[in-house]
């Protein structure tokens, strides 16, 4: 249950002027992270899985995985989407949306062996229409379920991030603006776009515990996990030991793992606080210590972008590979590690 301190702060933040409501230099950020519900676990989202292909942990054993893996550097190629910042142009508790959408974009790149256009599904559309949360918090697993049920989501070139709760209208899903004389006269410079390519979720689910999480990351790509943002607030680099953590209130993506020369095991994570935070927007956090990733969420994507067909949800997509070459990687790493 949200505390009285948290409730009072959130009410203030929602009604204060945007220029002062969330001053990043103040202590308010830590208040809303530590006491606000920014990553709401919806128990129903654990049960409503859509699973078609074999789960990676069913065919990948822990000792078959490499000692380190990082989707930012696989044979010199990065499959990850760029670092984003959920806090501009104003503060918005949309970590749940950014972590889910960036991971989905990563997986599109992975599924195509890096040949897919580098696109980012639109976090703002989830805030506007996704019924999984808004700028006051949300649920990443429910976000994947909504995309599956809604029949797709556009990318950020259709709907730019505004860091505001907007109404779910056609214009707030995909828009364009054109300052023609007639539109200027009518005061209608922006309008809805009705035909656009989409990113789809073919299946979605969750994994629990390091063995399942690592198998899923290795086989199909990054996953979304929940964390206490408190220990991350002052992070500038190195392996975060997750000291002083309480309850989870923030959503991040895990993209890999590794081990220091001293034998300290860690996960590689992506945050949504800009490149000026952490290790250029990324972080490392202890694995097997105080940080328990718990239950994390995944989705298998496809899109209209891959062959530029247009907007139709083609049945041909259903015949694609869903293991993303993971068995080939197992064979390679089991002989080289």
Foldseek 3Di string as FASTA:
>chain_A
DADPQLVVLVVQLVPPDQVPSCDVVDCSVLVCQQRAQLADDDVVLQVPWFDDDDQLLVPDFPLLDFQKDFCCQDPHHHLFAAFAALCPPHQFSLQLLQQLQRFQQSLQCLLVVNPFPRFTFDSQLCQAPVVQHHSRHGHNSSSQVSLQVVVFAATCQQAPDDSDRDHNDQSNRGKDFQPDPVCVVVVNRMDGDDWDKGKGFPTKHKDFFDSSQQSNLLQRHKWKFWFRCVQQSPAAEDARANPPGDDTRGIWIWNMWHADPVGFTWTKIAGRRALNGHPRRIYIYTDPHPDGRGMIMDTNMDMCRRVVPIYDPDPVVVPGDRRSCSVVVSVVSSVVD
